[in-house]
Each structure stands twice: as structure tokens, then as C-alpha cells.
Amino acid sequence: MRRRLAACFPVLLALGACRKAPPPPRAYPRQTLTNLSLSQSYLGASVWKLRSPSALLEEATQEADLDSPRMRFYKEGRLSSRVSSLTGRVNLATRDVILSTGVVLVSMADQSVLKTDLLNYSSKEDKLWTESKVELKKPAGVMRGRGMRASPDLSDVQIFQQESHLKSNGKKRKAAEGNGGPRKASTGQGSL
């Protein structure tokens, strides 16, 4: 019996060695890009421009991780707002952008400043949105909330779960809006 087992052992080893190992997972190419510049226009007029000093492109998904991205939005050929963040991601196929970590957007119309940790831009809708905490400083006061939809120039802003601090006769007053749905803010002077 031992001789049979001893004779079968090399055969079993040989059969095991012939077995193919599973192929390694396919690695998709990644490219490091420097001075990435993207733009979108409509009928020859700029809609937005994106710049990033460096980016890491994943060819399989056509998405690029951005380092210190900066975007400029245009309305009727004029600069309407600019936004910056520490990191971001752009989908090269859809032109959708996600800006994250220290996001600051400044509207040129009234110098309103929006701050958040995550801001999405839908190229198809030409809208900004987030579900994160936001703070919008306008000449008339400060609004804070969680969640927002806005036009890139901040002319049309909806902040959800809002809390506002309004200026009145040199004094601040607090207006808590609660959780009863979105509140709309306009960029007109003296109004939120």
C-alpha cells in the first residue's frame, strides 16, 4: 500500500503543477497629467474652464483625480464666478466635476462667497449641488444649511435645512428656517 501511495505522489504533484493559475486582475493604464486644462463652450461662448496643476487619469473610467483644481464659470461671455478646492475629480466623458476639501466659490456679481467640503457640478444641467454643509455669505447676511442646488453664478440658490443670520439696522438677527424644505435665496441687494 505504501508503494502505491509513493508511486502516486509524484503523479499527483505533476497534475497539480499543470493546473493553470488564475490570470492576474487586469490593470488599466493610468496617466499622470500636468497642467490639465478643460473647457466647455456653447455657440462659441465659454461656459466654464477648469485648470489643475496635476491630474491622475484612469483610462478605463475616463475620470481624472485633480490636484488643486480651479474653475471659472461664464455667463454671456463674462466671468460670473470662480471656484477652487484642494482636490477634485472630473469625468472626461460627461464633463461632470466633483470638487472636494476646502471648496470656495465666489460670485462676481455681488462677491457672495459659498463654502463647503463637497460640491458637484452637472455639465448637462449647468447646476451646482451638494448634500454637505454649506455656508453662503452675502452682503445681506450669512446662510448656513445642509444641502444646496444653485446656478454657477449664485443668482439662483436653494439651501436646505437652512439657518440665516440677517443684518438689520447694524444689528444681526437670527432666522432659523428649520427642516421644512428648501429656501430660495436671490442675489438682490438687501435680500437673501
C-alpha atoms as a PDB file:
ATOM      1  CA  MET A   1       0.000   0.000   0.000  1.00  0.00           C
ATOM      2  CA  ARG A   2       2.833   2.375   0.829  1.00  0.00           C
ATOM      3  CA  ARG A   3       4.459   1.690  -2.536  1.00  0.00           C
ATOM      4  CA  ARG A   4       1.249   2.576  -4.346  1.00  0.00           C
ATOM      5  CA  LEU A   5       0.943   5.836  -2.429  1.00  0.00           C
ATOM      6  CA  ALA A   6       4.609   6.616  -3.002  1.00  0.00           C
ATOM      7  CA  ALA A   7       4.189   5.931  -6.721  1.00  0.00           C
ATOM      8  CA  CYS A   8       1.025   8.079  -6.927  1.00  0.00           C
ATOM      9  CA  PHE A   9       2.555  11.008  -5.084  1.00  0.00           C
ATOM     10  CA  PRO A  10       4.774  12.231  -7.981  1.00  0.00           C
ATOM     11  CA  VAL A  11       1.839  11.838 -10.368  1.00  0.00           C
ATOM     12  CA  LEU A  12      -0.382  13.951  -8.109  1.00  0.00           C
ATOM     13  CA  LEU A  13       2.340  16.611  -7.851  1.00  0.00           C
ATOM     14  CA  ALA A  14       2.701  16.682 -11.625  1.00  0.00           C
ATOM     15  CA  LEU A  15      -1.057  17.080 -12.099  1.00  0.00           C
ATOM     16  CA  GLY A  16      -1.121  19.923  -9.585  1.00  0.00           C
ATOM     17  CA  ALA A  17       1.738  21.683 -11.360  1.00  0.00           C
ATOM     18  CA  CYS A  18      -0.098  21.530 -14.709  1.00  0.00           C
ATOM     19  CA  ARG A  19      -3.072  23.362 -13.280  1.00  0.00           C
ATOM     20  CA  LYS A  20      -3.159  26.935 -14.557  1.00  0.00           C
ATOM     21  CA  ALA A  21      -3.133  29.773 -12.087  1.00  0.00           C
ATOM     22  CA  PRO A  22      -5.939  32.296 -12.497  1.00  0.00           C
ATOM     23  CA  PRO A  23      -4.882  35.304 -14.544  1.00  0.00           C
ATOM     24  CA  PRO A  24      -3.941  38.396 -12.547  1.00  0.00           C
ATOM     25  CA  PRO A  25      -6.538  41.142 -12.426  1.00  0.00           C
ATOM     26  CA  ARG A  26      -6.310  43.366 -15.443  1.00  0.00           C
ATOM     27  CA  ALA A  27      -4.519  46.590 -14.678  1.00  0.00           C
ATOM     28  CA  TYR A  28      -5.826  49.543 -16.627  1.00  0.00           C
ATOM     29  CA  PRO A  29      -3.374  52.207 -17.674  1.00  0.00           C
ATOM     30  CA  ARG A  30      -3.139  55.356 -15.593  1.00  0.00           C
ATOM     31  CA  GLN A  31      -1.567  58.540 -16.811  1.00  0.00           C
ATOM     32  CA  THR A  32      -0.201  61.455 -14.849  1.00  0.00           C
ATOM     33  CA  LEU A  33      -1.075  64.742 -16.500  1.00  0.00           C
ATOM     34  CA  THR A  34       0.454  68.126 -15.780  1.00  0.00           C
ATOM     35  CA  ASN A  35      -1.257  71.468 -16.336  1.00  0.00           C
ATOM     36  CA  LEU A  36      -4.619  69.927 -17.218  1.00  0.00           C
ATOM     37  CA  SER A  37      -6.942  72.409 -18.895  1.00  0.00           C
ATOM     38  CA  LEU A  38     -10.540  71.655 -19.935  1.00  0.00           C
ATOM     39  CA  SER A  39     -13.268  73.957 -21.132  1.00  0.00           C
ATOM     40  CA  GLN A  40     -16.808  73.886 -22.390  1.00  0.00           C
ATOM     41  CA  SER A  41     -18.415  76.395 -24.713  1.00  0.00           C
ATOM     42  CA  TYR A  42     -21.792  76.929 -26.295  1.00  0.00           C
ATOM     43  CA  LEU A  43     -22.119  78.658 -29.674  1.00  0.00           C
ATOM     44  CA  GLY A  44     -18.550  79.896 -29.348  1.00  0.00           C
ATOM     45  CA  ALA A  45     -19.003  81.436 -25.890  1.00  0.00           C
ATOM     46  CA  SER A  46     -17.223  79.953 -22.873  1.00  0.00           C
ATOM     47  CA  VAL A  47     -19.454  78.222 -20.323  1.00  0.00           C
ATOM     48  CA  TRP A  48     -16.663  77.113 -17.977  1.00  0.00           C
ATOM     49  CA  LYS A  49     -12.930  76.474 -17.792  1.00  0.00           C
ATOM     50  CA  LEU A  50     -11.149  74.028 -15.488  1.00  0.00           C
ATOM     51  CA  ARG A  51      -7.446  74.003 -14.652  1.00  0.00           C
ATOM     52  CA  SER A  52      -5.439  71.673 -12.445  1.00  0.00           C
ATOM     53  CA  PRO A  53      -1.642  71.671 -11.973  1.00  0.00           C
ATOM     54  CA  SER A  54      -1.663  67.878 -11.980  1.00  0.00           C
ATOM     55  CA  ALA A  55      -4.140  65.061 -12.505  1.00  0.00           C
ATOM     56  CA  LEU A  56      -4.148  61.276 -12.494  1.00  0.00           C
ATOM     57  CA  LEU A  57      -6.227  59.879 -15.363  1.00  0.00           C
ATOM     58  CA  GLU A  58      -7.772  56.408 -15.149  1.00  0.00           C
ATOM     59  CA  GLU A  59      -8.245  55.422 -18.768  1.00  0.00           C
ATOM     60  CA  ALA A  60     -10.821  52.699 -18.066  1.00  0.00           C
ATOM     61  CA  THR A  61     -13.282  55.087 -16.426  1.00  0.00           C
ATOM     62  CA  GLN A  62     -12.193  58.266 -18.232  1.00  0.00           C
ATOM     63  CA  GLU A  63     -12.051  60.009 -14.869  1.00  0.00           C
ATOM     64  CA  ALA A  64      -9.197  62.115 -13.561  1.00  0.00           C
ATOM     65  CA  ASP A  65      -8.315  62.895  -9.954  1.00  0.00           C
ATOM     66  CA  LEU A  66      -7.409  66.578  -9.714  1.00  0.00           C
ATOM     67  CA  ASP A  67      -4.912  68.376  -7.522  1.00  0.00           C
ATOM     68  CA  SER A  68      -5.836  71.960  -6.536  1.00  0.00           C
ATOM     69  CA  PRO A  69      -8.460  72.429  -9.281  1.00  0.00           C
ATOM     70  CA  ARG A  70      -9.734  75.896 -10.232  1.00  0.00           C
ATOM     71  CA  MET A  71     -12.885  76.537 -12.249  1.00  0.00           C
ATOM     72  CA  ARG A  72     -14.231  79.691 -13.828  1.00  0.00           C
ATOM     73  CA  PHE A  73     -17.844  79.994 -14.941  1.00  0.00           C
ATOM     74  CA  TYR A  74     -19.013  82.425 -17.607  1.00  0.00           C
ATOM     75  CA  LYS A  75     -22.369  83.983 -18.418  1.00  0.00           C
ATOM     76  CA  GLU A  76     -22.876  85.795 -21.721  1.00  0.00           C
ATOM     77  CA  GLY A  77     -19.116  85.779 -22.293  1.00  0.00           C
ATOM     78  CA  ARG A  78     -18.257  87.404 -18.955  1.00  0.00           C
ATOM     79  CA  LEU A  79     -16.721  85.819 -15.863  1.00  0.00           C
ATOM     80  CA  SER A  80     -19.603  85.143 -13.451  1.00  0.00           C
ATOM     81  CA  SER A  81     -17.913  83.104 -10.700  1.00  0.00           C
ATOM     82  CA  ARG A  82     -14.789  81.240  -9.773  1.00  0.00           C
ATOM     83  CA  VAL A  83     -14.323  78.216  -7.530  1.00  0.00           C
ATOM     84  CA  SER A  84     -11.309  76.473  -6.026  1.00  0.00           C
ATOM     85  CA  SER A  85     -10.677  73.408  -3.868  1.00  0.00           C
ATOM     86  CA  LEU A  86      -7.823  71.219  -2.688  1.00  0.00           C
ATOM     87  CA  THR A  87      -8.920  68.099  -4.595  1.00  0.00           C
ATOM     88  CA  GLY A  88     -11.424  67.095  -7.211  1.00  0.00           C
ATOM     89  CA  ARG A  89     -12.463  64.651  -9.906  1.00  0.00           C
ATOM     90  CA  VAL A  90     -13.650  65.176 -13.476  1.00  0.00           C
ATOM     91  CA  ASN A  91     -15.408  62.729 -15.759  1.00  0.00           C
ATOM     92  CA  LEU A  92     -13.972  63.420 -19.215  1.00  0.00           C
ATOM     93  CA  ALA A  93     -16.915  61.779 -20.989  1.00  0.00           C
ATOM     94  CA  THR A  94     -19.734  63.681 -19.224  1.00  0.00           C
ATOM     95  CA  ARG A  95     -17.682  66.742 -18.174  1.00  0.00           C
ATOM     96  CA  ASP A  96     -19.193  66.466 -14.679  1.00  0.00           C
ATOM     97  CA  VAL A  97     -16.923  67.726 -11.899  1.00  0.00           C
ATOM     98  CA  ILE A  98     -16.694  66.979  -8.176  1.00  0.00           C
ATOM     99  CA  LEU A  99     -14.726  69.458  -6.069  1.00  0.00           C
ATOM    100  CA  SER A 100     -13.788  68.478  -2.527  1.00  0.00           C
ATOM    101  CA  THR A 101     -11.939  69.665   0.556  1.00  0.00           C
ATOM    102  CA  GLY A 102     -11.985  73.391   1.207  1.00  0.00           C
ATOM    103  CA  VAL A 103     -14.314  74.377  -1.640  1.00  0.00           C
ATOM    104  CA  VAL A 104     -14.753  78.152  -2.043  1.00  0.00           C
ATOM    105  CA  LEU A 105     -16.938  79.712  -4.754  1.00  0.00           C
ATOM    106  CA  VAL A 106     -17.030  83.496  -5.296  1.00  0.00           C
ATOM    107  CA  SER A 107     -19.758  85.176  -7.362  1.00  0.00           C
ATOM    108  CA  MET A 108     -18.558  88.181  -9.353  1.00  0.00           C
ATOM    109  CA  ALA A 109     -21.990  89.891  -9.303  1.00  0.00           C
ATOM    110  CA  ASP A 110     -22.086  90.703  -5.574  1.00  0.00           C
ATOM    111  CA  GLN A 111     -18.959  88.996  -4.191  1.00  0.00           C
ATOM    112  CA  SER A 112     -21.075  86.343  -2.441  1.00  0.00           C
ATOM    113  CA  VAL A 113     -18.908  83.531  -1.067  1.00  0.00           C
ATOM    114  CA  LEU A 114     -20.048  79.917  -0.804  1.00  0.00           C
ATOM    115  CA  LYS A 115     -18.026  77.471   1.313  1.00  0.00           C
ATOM    116  CA  THR A 116     -18.471  73.705   1.585  1.00  0.00           C
ATOM    117  CA  ASP A 117     -16.460  70.473   1.690  1.00  0.00           C
ATOM    118  CA  LEU A 118     -18.022  68.859  -1.391  1.00  0.00           C
ATOM    119  CA  LEU A 119     -19.508  70.467  -4.490  1.00  0.00           C
ATOM    120  CA  ASN A 120     -20.819  68.681  -7.583  1.00  0.00           C
ATOM    121  CA  TYR A 121     -21.208  70.304 -10.986  1.00  0.00           C
ATOM    122  CA  SER A 122     -23.529  68.789 -13.584  1.00  0.00           C
ATOM    123  CA  SER A 123     -22.401  69.913 -17.017  1.00  0.00           C
ATOM    124  CA  LYS A 124     -25.632  68.765 -18.650  1.00  0.00           C
ATOM    125  CA  GLU A 125     -27.830  70.751 -16.222  1.00  0.00           C
ATOM    126  CA  ASP A 126     -25.315  73.582 -15.652  1.00  0.00           C
ATOM    127  CA  LYS A 127     -26.055  73.314 -11.912  1.00  0.00           C
ATOM    128  CA  LEU A 128     -24.052  73.003  -8.717  1.00  0.00           C
ATOM    129  CA  TRP A 129     -25.296  70.797  -5.882  1.00  0.00           C
ATOM    130  CA  THR A 130     -24.218  69.221  -2.627  1.00  0.00           C
ATOM    131  CA  GLU A 131     -25.658  67.327   0.311  1.00  0.00           C
ATOM    132  CA  SER A 132     -22.888  68.589   2.620  1.00  0.00           C
ATOM    133  CA  LYS A 133     -22.933  71.551   4.990  1.00  0.00           C
ATOM    134  CA  VAL A 134     -22.807  74.915   3.222  1.00  0.00           C
ATOM    135  CA  GLU A 135     -22.211  78.500   4.241  1.00  0.00           C
ATOM    136  CA  LEU A 136     -23.206  81.353   1.930  1.00  0.00           C
ATOM    137  CA  LYS A 137     -22.012  84.854   2.834  1.00  0.00           C
ATOM    138  CA  LYS A 138     -23.893  87.614   1.015  1.00  0.00           C
ATOM    139  CA  PRO A 139     -23.979  91.376   1.565  1.00  0.00           C
ATOM    140  CA  ALA A 140     -27.303  90.959   3.418  1.00  0.00           C
ATOM    141  CA  GLY A 141     -26.083  88.251   5.799  1.00  0.00           C
ATOM    142  CA  VAL A 142     -24.995  84.661   6.192  1.00  0.00           C
ATOM    143  CA  MET A 143     -26.954  81.497   5.427  1.00  0.00           C
ATOM    144  CA  ARG A 144     -25.937  78.065   6.636  1.00  0.00           C
ATOM    145  CA  GLY A 145     -27.538  74.752   5.908  1.00  0.00           C
ATOM    146  CA  ARG A 146     -27.102  71.181   4.751  1.00  0.00           C
ATOM    147  CA  GLY A 147     -27.657  70.570   1.065  1.00  0.00           C
ATOM    148  CA  MET A 148     -27.879  73.018  -1.805  1.00  0.00           C
ATOM    149  CA  ARG A 149     -28.703  73.467  -5.508  1.00  0.00           C
ATOM    150  CA  ALA A 150     -27.519  76.570  -7.316  1.00  0.00           C
ATOM    151  CA  SER A 151     -26.645  78.130 -10.622  1.00  0.00           C
ATOM    152  CA  PRO A 152     -22.872  78.570 -11.039  1.00  0.00           C
ATOM    153  CA  ASP A 153     -23.130  82.370 -10.658  1.00  0.00           C
ATOM    154  CA  LEU A 154     -25.212  82.002  -7.438  1.00  0.00           C
ATOM    155  CA  SER A 155     -28.070  84.024  -8.960  1.00  0.00           C
ATOM    156  CA  ASP A 156     -30.435  81.159  -8.069  1.00  0.00           C
ATOM    157  CA  VAL A 157     -29.671  79.316  -4.815  1.00  0.00           C
ATOM    158  CA  GLN A 158     -31.669  76.799  -2.825  1.00  0.00           C
ATOM    159  CA  ILE A 159     -30.202  75.904   0.573  1.00  0.00           C
ATOM    160  CA  PHE A 160     -31.831  73.102   2.522  1.00  0.00           C
ATOM    161  CA  GLN A 161     -32.097  72.763   6.321  1.00  0.00           C
ATOM    162  CA  GLN A 162     -31.310  76.455   6.451  1.00  0.00           C
ATOM    163  CA  GLU A 163     -30.327  78.832   9.210  1.00  0.00           C
ATOM    164  CA  SER A 164     -29.926  82.509   8.301  1.00  0.00           C
ATOM    165  CA  HIS A 165     -28.272  85.460  10.031  1.00  0.00           C
ATOM    166  CA  LEU A 166     -29.643  88.716   8.623  1.00  0.00           C
ATOM    167  CA  LYS A 167     -28.305  92.245   9.065  1.00  0.00           C
ATOM    168  CA  SER A 168     -30.864  94.800  10.185  1.00  0.00           C
ATOM    169  CA  ASN A 169     -30.037  98.365  11.238  1.00  0.00           C
ATOM    170  CA  GLY A 170     -26.468  97.406  12.010  1.00  0.00           C
ATOM    171  CA  LYS A 171     -27.556  94.518  14.225  1.00  0.00           C
ATOM    172  CA  LYS A 172     -27.606  90.839  13.414  1.00  0.00           C
ATOM    173  CA  ARG A 173     -30.753  88.833  13.854  1.00  0.00           C
ATOM    174  CA  LYS A 174     -31.087  85.099  13.552  1.00  0.00           C
ATOM    175  CA  ALA A 175     -33.818  83.495  11.476  1.00  0.00           C
ATOM    176  CA  ALA A 176     -33.986  79.734  11.835  1.00  0.00           C
ATOM    177  CA  GLU A 177     -35.698  78.182   8.833  1.00  0.00           C
ATOM    178  CA  GLY A 178     -35.815  74.631  10.174  1.00  0.00           C
ATOM    179  CA  ASN A 179     -36.164  71.481   8.130  1.00  0.00           C
ATOM    180  CA  GLY A 180     -39.353  72.320   6.269  1.00  0.00           C
ATOM    181  CA  GLY A 181     -37.862  72.030   2.800  1.00  0.00           C
ATOM    182  CA  PRO A 182     -35.726  74.261   0.651  1.00  0.00           C
ATOM    183  CA  ARG A 183     -35.488  78.011   0.952  1.00  0.00           C
ATOM    184  CA  LYS A 184     -34.666  80.053  -2.094  1.00  0.00           C
ATOM    185  CA  ALA A 185     -32.197  82.903  -1.985  1.00  0.00           C
ATOM    186  CA  SER A 186     -31.848  85.679  -4.521  1.00  0.00           C
ATOM    187  CA  THR A 187     -28.778  87.791  -5.119  1.00  0.00           C
ATOM    188  CA  GLY A 188     -30.629  91.091  -4.948  1.00  0.00           C
ATOM    189  CA  GLN A 189     -29.190  93.741  -2.628  1.00  0.00           C
ATOM    190  CA  GLY A 190     -30.535  93.558   0.889  1.00  0.00           C
ATOM    191  CA  SER A 191     -32.349  90.251   0.477  1.00  0.00           C
ATOM    192  CA  LEU A 192     -31.418  86.653   0.921  1.00  0.00           C
END
